[in-house]
């Protein structure tokens, strides 16, 4: 018996998984860019550490990790 499973995933997941086979991609102009925001919430119990982490996420070092995993820097 052959069972086929298919679904939509972000390319960053597909590129880093050995369990996903890319069979088709959506053209870049077929959708709005995906934006993943980050912020320190007001109710944070450790806002200093959260702020440092947010700062790291915007660093050149973090950008290299993001790019290596298929993410691109937004405007």
PDB file of N, CA and C in Angstrom:
ATOM      1  N   UNK A   1       0.848  -1.176   0.000  1.00  0.00           N
ATOM      2  CA  UNK A   1       0.000   0.000   0.000  1.00  0.00           C
ATOM      3  C   UNK A   1       0.891   1.236   0.000  1.00  0.00           C
ATOM      4  N   UNK A   2       0.574   2.196  -0.855  1.00  0.00           N
ATOM      5  CA  UNK A   2       1.330   3.440  -0.959  1.00  0.00           C
ATOM      6  C   UNK A   2       0.525   4.565  -0.341  1.00  0.00           C
ATOM      7  N   UNK A   3       1.125   5.247   0.604  1.00  0.00           N
ATOM      8  CA  UNK A   3       0.471   6.386   1.245  1.00  0.00           C
ATOM      9  C   UNK A   3       1.305   7.620   0.939  1.00  0.00           C
ATOM     10  N   UNK A   4       0.671   8.621   0.398  1.00  0.00           N
ATOM     11  CA  UNK A   4       1.350   9.860   0.076  1.00  0.00           C
ATOM     12  C   UNK A   4       0.864  10.958   1.003  1.00  0.00           C
ATOM     13  N   UNK A   5       1.794  11.671   1.579  1.00  0.00           N
ATOM     14  CA  UNK A   5       1.450  12.812   2.431  1.00  0.00           C
ATOM     15  C   UNK A   5       2.085  14.054   1.846  1.00  0.00           C
ATOM     16  N   UNK A   6       1.342  15.127   1.878  1.00  0.00           N
ATOM     17  CA  UNK A   6       1.854  16.385   1.350  1.00  0.00           C
ATOM     18  C   UNK A   6       1.344  17.528   2.202  1.00  0.00           C
ATOM     19  N   UNK A   7       2.066  18.613   2.192  1.00  0.00           N
ATOM     20  CA  UNK A   7       1.644  19.791   2.942  1.00  0.00           C
ATOM     21  C   UNK A   7       2.505  20.969   2.561  1.00  0.00           C
ATOM     22  N   UNK A   8       2.138  22.106   3.088  1.00  0.00           N
ATOM     23  CA  UNK A   8       2.897  23.328   2.879  1.00  0.00           C
ATOM     24  C   UNK A   8       3.755  23.585   4.111  1.00  0.00           C
ATOM     25  N   UNK A   9       5.029  23.854   3.896  1.00  0.00           N
ATOM     26  CA  UNK A   9       5.919  24.252   4.990  1.00  0.00           C
ATOM     27  C   UNK A   9       6.793  25.390   4.485  1.00  0.00           C
ATOM     28  N   UNK A  10       7.319  26.161   5.415  1.00  0.00           N
ATOM     29  CA  UNK A  10       8.257  27.216   5.031  1.00  0.00           C
ATOM     30  C   UNK A  10       9.495  26.560   4.468  1.00  0.00           C
ATOM     31  N   UNK A  11      10.116  27.194   3.502  1.00  0.00           N
ATOM     32  CA  UNK A  11      11.309  26.608   2.912  1.00  0.00           C
ATOM     33  C   UNK A  11      12.434  26.449   3.930  1.00  0.00           C
ATOM     34  N   UNK A  12      12.449  27.288   4.958  1.00  0.00           N
ATOM     35  CA  UNK A  12      13.486  27.153   5.984  1.00  0.00           C
ATOM     36  C   UNK A  12      13.359  25.823   6.720  1.00  0.00           C
ATOM     37  N   UNK A  13      12.152  25.317   6.867  1.00  0.00           N
ATOM     38  CA  UNK A  13      11.952  24.005   7.492  1.00  0.00           C
ATOM     39  C   UNK A  13      12.354  22.911   6.516  1.00  0.00           C
ATOM     40  N   UNK A  14      11.912  23.041   5.278  1.00  0.00           N
ATOM     41  CA  UNK A  14      12.216  22.028   4.270  1.00  0.00           C
ATOM     42  C   UNK A  14      13.718  21.899   4.038  1.00  0.00           C
ATOM     43  N   UNK A  15      14.416  23.006   4.032  1.00  0.00           N
ATOM     44  CA  UNK A  15      15.854  22.985   3.768  1.00  0.00           C
ATOM     45  C   UNK A  15      16.665  22.371   4.897  1.00  0.00           C
ATOM     46  N   UNK A  16      16.131  22.375   6.097  1.00  0.00           N
ATOM     47  CA  UNK A  16      16.890  21.872   7.238  1.00  0.00           C
ATOM     48  C   UNK A  16      16.403  20.513   7.721  1.00  0.00           C
ATOM     49  N   UNK A  17      15.482  19.896   7.007  1.00  0.00           N
ATOM     50  CA  UNK A  17      14.949  18.598   7.408  1.00  0.00           C
ATOM     51  C   UNK A  17      15.308  17.538   6.383  1.00  0.00           C
ATOM     52  N   UNK A  18      15.712  16.385   6.873  1.00  0.00           N
ATOM     53  CA  UNK A  18      15.970  15.276   5.954  1.00  0.00           C
ATOM     54  C   UNK A  18      14.704  14.443   5.732  1.00  0.00           C
ATOM     55  N   UNK A  19      13.585  14.878   6.293  1.00  0.00           N
ATOM     56  CA  UNK A  19      12.313  14.165   6.153  1.00  0.00           C
ATOM     57  C   UNK A  19      11.367  14.857   5.174  1.00  0.00           C
ATOM     58  N   UNK A  20      11.818  15.956   4.585  1.00  0.00           N
ATOM     59  CA  UNK A  20      10.964  16.732   3.695  1.00  0.00           C
ATOM     60  C   UNK A  20      11.580  16.732   2.301  1.00  0.00           C
ATOM     61  N   UNK A  21      10.763  16.452   1.312  1.00  0.00           N
ATOM     62  CA  UNK A  21      11.192  16.529  -0.080  1.00  0.00           C
ATOM     63  C   UNK A  21      10.431  17.674  -0.736  1.00  0.00           C
ATOM     64  N   UNK A  22      11.142  18.622  -1.288  1.00  0.00           N
ATOM     65  CA  UNK A  22      10.504  19.759  -1.956  1.00  0.00           C
ATOM     66  C   UNK A  22      10.112  19.324  -3.355  1.00  0.00           C
ATOM     67  N   UNK A  23       8.812  19.397  -3.651  1.00  0.00           N
ATOM     68  CA  UNK A  23       8.324  19.022  -4.978  1.00  0.00           C
ATOM     69  C   UNK A  23       7.808  20.224  -5.756  1.00  0.00           C
ATOM     70  N   UNK A  24       7.532  21.325  -5.066  1.00  0.00           N
ATOM     71  CA  UNK A  24       7.072  22.545  -5.722  1.00  0.00           C
ATOM     72  C   UNK A  24       7.284  23.718  -4.777  1.00  0.00           C
ATOM     73  N   UNK A  25       7.457  24.886  -5.343  1.00  0.00           N
ATOM     74  CA  UNK A  25       7.591  26.099  -4.536  1.00  0.00           C
ATOM     75  C   UNK A  25       6.655  27.168  -5.078  1.00  0.00           C
ATOM     76  N   UNK A  26       6.208  28.028  -4.195  1.00  0.00           N
ATOM     77  CA  UNK A  26       5.347  29.142  -4.595  1.00  0.00           C
ATOM     78  C   UNK A  26       6.238  30.279  -5.102  1.00  0.00           C
ATOM     79  N   UNK A  27       5.901  30.876  -6.223  1.00  0.00           N
ATOM     80  CA  UNK A  27       6.689  32.006  -6.721  1.00  0.00           C
ATOM     81  C   UNK A  27       6.725  33.141  -5.693  1.00  0.00           C
ATOM     82  N   UNK A  28       7.838  33.813  -5.603  1.00  0.00           N
ATOM     83  CA  UNK A  28       8.011  34.878  -4.612  1.00  0.00           C
ATOM     84  C   UNK A  28       6.947  35.955  -4.724  1.00  0.00           C
ATOM     85  N   UNK A  29       6.486  36.229  -5.926  1.00  0.00           N
ATOM     86  CA  UNK A  29       5.488  37.298  -6.102  1.00  0.00           C
ATOM     87  C   UNK A  29       4.051  36.802  -5.908  1.00  0.00           C
ATOM     88  N   UNK A  30       3.878  35.564  -5.447  1.00  0.00           N
ATOM     89  CA  UNK A  30       2.526  35.023  -5.254  1.00  0.00           C
ATOM     90  C   UNK A  30       1.983  35.253  -3.844  1.00  0.00           C
ATOM     91  N   UNK A  31       2.808  35.846  -2.986  1.00  0.00           N
ATOM     92  CA  UNK A  31       2.384  36.084  -1.609  1.00  0.00           C
ATOM     93  C   UNK A  31       3.184  37.235  -1.011  1.00  0.00           C
ATOM     94  N   UNK A  32       2.682  37.747   0.078  1.00  0.00           N
ATOM     95  CA  UNK A  32       3.411  38.791   0.797  1.00  0.00           C
ATOM     96  C   UNK A  32       4.594  38.160   1.523  1.00  0.00           C
ATOM     97  N   UNK A  33       5.667  38.920   1.746  1.00  0.00           N
ATOM     98  CA  UNK A  33       6.795  38.378   2.507  1.00  0.00           C
ATOM     99  C   UNK A  33       6.350  37.952   3.908  1.00  0.00           C
ATOM    100  N   UNK A  34       6.933  36.875   4.386  1.00  0.00           N
ATOM    101  CA  UNK A  34       6.647  36.409   5.737  1.00  0.00           C
ATOM    102  C   UNK A  34       7.548  37.187   6.689  1.00  0.00           C
ATOM    103  N   UNK A  35       6.950  37.817   7.681  1.00  0.00           N
ATOM    104  CA  UNK A  35       7.691  38.608   8.658  1.00  0.00           C
ATOM    105  C   UNK A  35       7.518  37.944  10.025  1.00  0.00           C
ATOM    106  N   UNK A  36       8.629  37.704  10.691  1.00  0.00           N
ATOM    107  CA  UNK A  36       8.581  37.082  12.015  1.00  0.00           C
ATOM    108  C   UNK A  36       9.086  38.118  13.018  1.00  0.00           C
ATOM    109  N   UNK A  37       8.170  38.817  13.686  1.00  0.00           N
ATOM    110  CA  UNK A  37       8.595  39.865  14.622  1.00  0.00           C
ATOM    111  C   UNK A  37       9.102  39.287  15.939  1.00  0.00           C
ATOM    112  N   UNK A  38       9.878  40.074  16.627  1.00  0.00           N
ATOM    113  CA  UNK A  38      10.356  39.711  17.956  1.00  0.00           C
ATOM    114  C   UNK A  38      10.339  40.960  18.825  1.00  0.00           C
ATOM    115  N   UNK A  39       9.992  40.789  20.077  1.00  0.00           N
ATOM    116  CA  UNK A  39       9.934  41.924  21.001  1.00  0.00           C
ATOM    117  C   UNK A  39      10.006  41.414  22.431  1.00  0.00           C
ATOM    118  N   UNK A  40      10.368  42.281  23.327  1.00  0.00           N
ATOM    119  CA  UNK A  40      10.322  41.992  24.754  1.00  0.00           C
ATOM    120  C   UNK A  40       8.943  42.420  25.249  1.00  0.00           C
ATOM    121  N   UNK A  41       8.221  41.502  25.851  1.00  0.00           N
ATOM    122  CA  UNK A  41       6.880  41.839  26.338  1.00  0.00           C
ATOM    123  C   UNK A  41       6.967  42.591  27.657  1.00  0.00           C
ATOM    124  N   UNK A  42       6.022  43.471  27.879  1.00  0.00           N
ATOM    125  CA  UNK A  42       6.025  44.310  29.083  1.00  0.00           C
ATOM    126  C   UNK A  42       5.983  43.483  30.368  1.00  0.00           C
ATOM    127  N   UNK A  43       5.322  42.337  30.331  1.00  0.00           N
ATOM    128  CA  UNK A  43       5.178  41.511  31.532  1.00  0.00           C
ATOM    129  C   UNK A  43       6.358  40.564  31.755  1.00  0.00           C
ATOM    130  N   UNK A  44       7.412  40.711  30.983  1.00  0.00           N
ATOM    131  CA  UNK A  44       8.572  39.826  31.119  1.00  0.00           C
ATOM    132  C   UNK A  44       9.139  39.882  32.533  1.00  0.00           C
ATOM    133  N   UNK A  45       9.439  38.706  33.072  1.00  0.00           N
ATOM    134  CA  UNK A  45      10.046  38.641  34.406  1.00  0.00           C
ATOM    135  C   UNK A  45      11.557  38.756  34.344  1.00  0.00           C
ATOM    136  N   UNK A  46      12.092  38.756  33.120  1.00  0.00           N
ATOM    137  CA  UNK A  46      13.530  38.895  32.949  1.00  0.00           C
ATOM    138  C   UNK A  46      13.795  39.745  31.706  1.00  0.00           C
ATOM    139  N   UNK A  47      13.340  40.973  31.762  1.00  0.00           N
ATOM    140  CA  UNK A  47      13.421  41.842  30.590  1.00  0.00           C
ATOM    141  C   UNK A  47      14.864  42.163  30.189  1.00  0.00           C
ATOM    142  N   UNK A  48      15.788  42.168  31.143  1.00  0.00           N
ATOM    143  CA  UNK A  48      17.187  42.450  30.799  1.00  0.00           C
ATOM    144  C   UNK A  48      17.741  41.336  29.909  1.00  0.00           C
ATOM    145  N   UNK A  49      17.516  40.086  30.287  1.00  0.00           N
ATOM    146  CA  UNK A  49      17.985  38.955  29.482  1.00  0.00           C
ATOM    147  C   UNK A  49      17.252  38.910  28.150  1.00  0.00           C
ATOM    148  N   UNK A  50      15.959  39.191  28.159  1.00  0.00           N
ATOM    149  CA  UNK A  50      15.176  39.198  26.932  1.00  0.00           C
ATOM    150  C   UNK A  50      15.685  40.278  25.976  1.00  0.00           C
ATOM    151  N   UNK A  51      16.026  41.431  26.520  1.00  0.00           N
ATOM    152  CA  UNK A  51      16.565  42.525  25.701  1.00  0.00           C
ATOM    153  C   UNK A  51      17.907  42.138  25.096  1.00  0.00           C
ATOM    154  N   UNK A  52      18.757  41.468  25.885  1.00  0.00           N
ATOM    155  CA  UNK A  52      20.058  41.022  25.376  1.00  0.00           C
ATOM    156  C   UNK A  52      19.867  40.002  24.259  1.00  0.00           C
ATOM    157  N   UNK A  53      18.897  39.087  24.441  1.00  0.00           N
ATOM    158  CA  UNK A  53      18.637  38.086  23.417  1.00  0.00           C
ATOM    159  C   UNK A  53      18.126  38.752  22.144  1.00  0.00           C
ATOM    160  N   UNK A  54      17.222  39.698  22.282  1.00  0.00           N
ATOM    161  CA  UNK A  54      16.708  40.429  21.130  1.00  0.00           C
ATOM    162  C   UNK A  54      17.838  41.172  20.414  1.00  0.00           C
ATOM    163  N   UNK A  55      18.739  41.735  21.171  1.00  0.00           N
ATOM    164  CA  UNK A  55      19.902  42.413  20.594  1.00  0.00           C
ATOM    165  C   UNK A  55      20.765  41.421  19.817  1.00  0.00           C
ATOM    166  N   UNK A  56      20.973  40.233  20.408  1.00  0.00           N
ATOM    167  CA  UNK A  56      21.753  39.197  19.723  1.00  0.00           C
ATOM    168  C   UNK A  56      21.087  38.803  18.401  1.00  0.00           C
ATOM    169  N   UNK A  57      19.762  38.651  18.409  1.00  0.00           N
ATOM    170  CA  UNK A  57      19.048  38.236  17.203  1.00  0.00           C
ATOM    171  C   UNK A  57      19.263  39.203  16.046  1.00  0.00           C
ATOM    172  N   UNK A  58      19.641  40.427  16.346  1.00  0.00           N
ATOM    173  CA  UNK A  58      19.863  41.442  15.318  1.00  0.00           C
ATOM    174  C   UNK A  58      21.343  41.616  14.978  1.00  0.00           C
ATOM    175  N   UNK A  59      22.193  40.802  15.583  1.00  0.00           N
ATOM    176  CA  UNK A  59      23.638  40.916  15.376  1.00  0.00           C
ATOM    177  C   UNK A  59      24.079  40.263  14.067  1.00  0.00           C
ATOM    178  N   UNK A  60      25.275  40.619  13.623  1.00  0.00           N
ATOM    179  CA  UNK A  60      25.847  40.004  12.423  1.00  0.00           C
ATOM    180  C   UNK A  60      26.008  38.497  12.620  1.00  0.00           C
ATOM    181  N   UNK A  61      26.392  38.080  13.807  1.00  0.00           N
ATOM    182  CA  UNK A  61      26.567  36.655  14.104  1.00  0.00           C
ATOM    183  C   UNK A  61      25.253  35.887  13.910  1.00  0.00           C
ATOM    184  N   UNK A  62      24.173  36.433  14.458  1.00  0.00           N
ATOM    185  CA  UNK A  62      22.865  35.788  14.321  1.00  0.00           C
ATOM    186  C   UNK A  62      22.403  35.813  12.867  1.00  0.00           C
ATOM    187  N   UNK A  63      22.662  36.905  12.154  1.00  0.00           N
ATOM    188  CA  UNK A  63      22.255  36.999  10.755  1.00  0.00           C
ATOM    189  C   UNK A  63      22.912  35.901   9.925  1.00  0.00           C
ATOM    190  N   UNK A  64      24.152  35.575  10.224  1.00  0.00           N
ATOM    191  CA  UNK A  64      24.845  34.497   9.507  1.00  0.00           C
ATOM    192  C   UNK A  64      24.148  33.162   9.754  1.00  0.00           C
ATOM    193  N   UNK A  65      23.710  32.929  10.979  1.00  0.00           N
ATOM    194  CA  UNK A  65      22.986  31.695  11.313  1.00  0.00           C
ATOM    195  C   UNK A  65      21.644  31.672  10.591  1.00  0.00           C
ATOM    196  N   UNK A  66      20.930  32.789  10.615  1.00  0.00           N
ATOM    197  CA  UNK A  66      19.642  32.866   9.918  1.00  0.00           C
ATOM    198  C   UNK A  66      19.813  32.583   8.421  1.00  0.00           C
ATOM    199  N   UNK A  67      20.784  33.245   7.804  1.00  0.00           N
ATOM    200  CA  UNK A  67      20.999  33.081   6.371  1.00  0.00           C
ATOM    201  C   UNK A  67      21.400  31.656   6.025  1.00  0.00           C
ATOM    202  N   UNK A  68      22.221  31.038   6.866  1.00  0.00           N
ATOM    203  CA  UNK A  68      22.636  29.644   6.654  1.00  0.00           C
ATOM    204  C   UNK A  68      21.423  28.713   6.650  1.00  0.00           C
ATOM    205  N   UNK A  69      20.379  29.099   7.369  1.00  0.00           N
ATOM    206  CA  UNK A  69      19.179  28.272   7.487  1.00  0.00           C
ATOM    207  C   UNK A  69      18.026  28.754   6.613  1.00  0.00           C
ATOM    208  N   UNK A  70      18.345  29.585   5.608  1.00  0.00           N
ATOM    209  CA  UNK A  70      17.352  29.967   4.612  1.00  0.00           C
ATOM    210  C   UNK A  70      16.566  31.232   4.879  1.00  0.00           C
ATOM    211  N   UNK A  71      16.868  31.930   5.954  1.00  0.00           N
ATOM    212  CA  UNK A  71      16.169  33.184   6.233  1.00  0.00           C
ATOM    213  C   UNK A  71      16.914  34.329   5.573  1.00  0.00           C
ATOM    214  N   UNK A  72      16.186  35.379   5.219  1.00  0.00           N
ATOM    215  CA  UNK A  72      16.823  36.576   4.680  1.00  0.00           C
ATOM    216  C   UNK A  72      16.409  37.766   5.537  1.00  0.00           C
ATOM    217  N   UNK A  73      17.285  38.728   5.608  1.00  0.00           N
ATOM    218  CA  UNK A  73      17.022  39.924   6.417  1.00  0.00           C
ATOM    219  C   UNK A  73      16.020  40.814   5.713  1.00  0.00           C
ATOM    220  N   UNK A  74      15.031  41.255   6.472  1.00  0.00           N
ATOM    221  CA  UNK A  74      14.026  42.163   5.923  1.00  0.00           C
ATOM    222  C   UNK A  74      14.530  43.574   5.860  1.00  0.00           C
ATOM    223  N   UNK A  75      13.683  44.438   5.368  1.00  0.00           N
ATOM    224  CA  UNK A  75      14.050  45.848   5.233  1.00  0.00           C
ATOM    225  C   UNK A  75      13.845  46.580   6.521  1.00  0.00           C
TER     226      UNK A  75
END
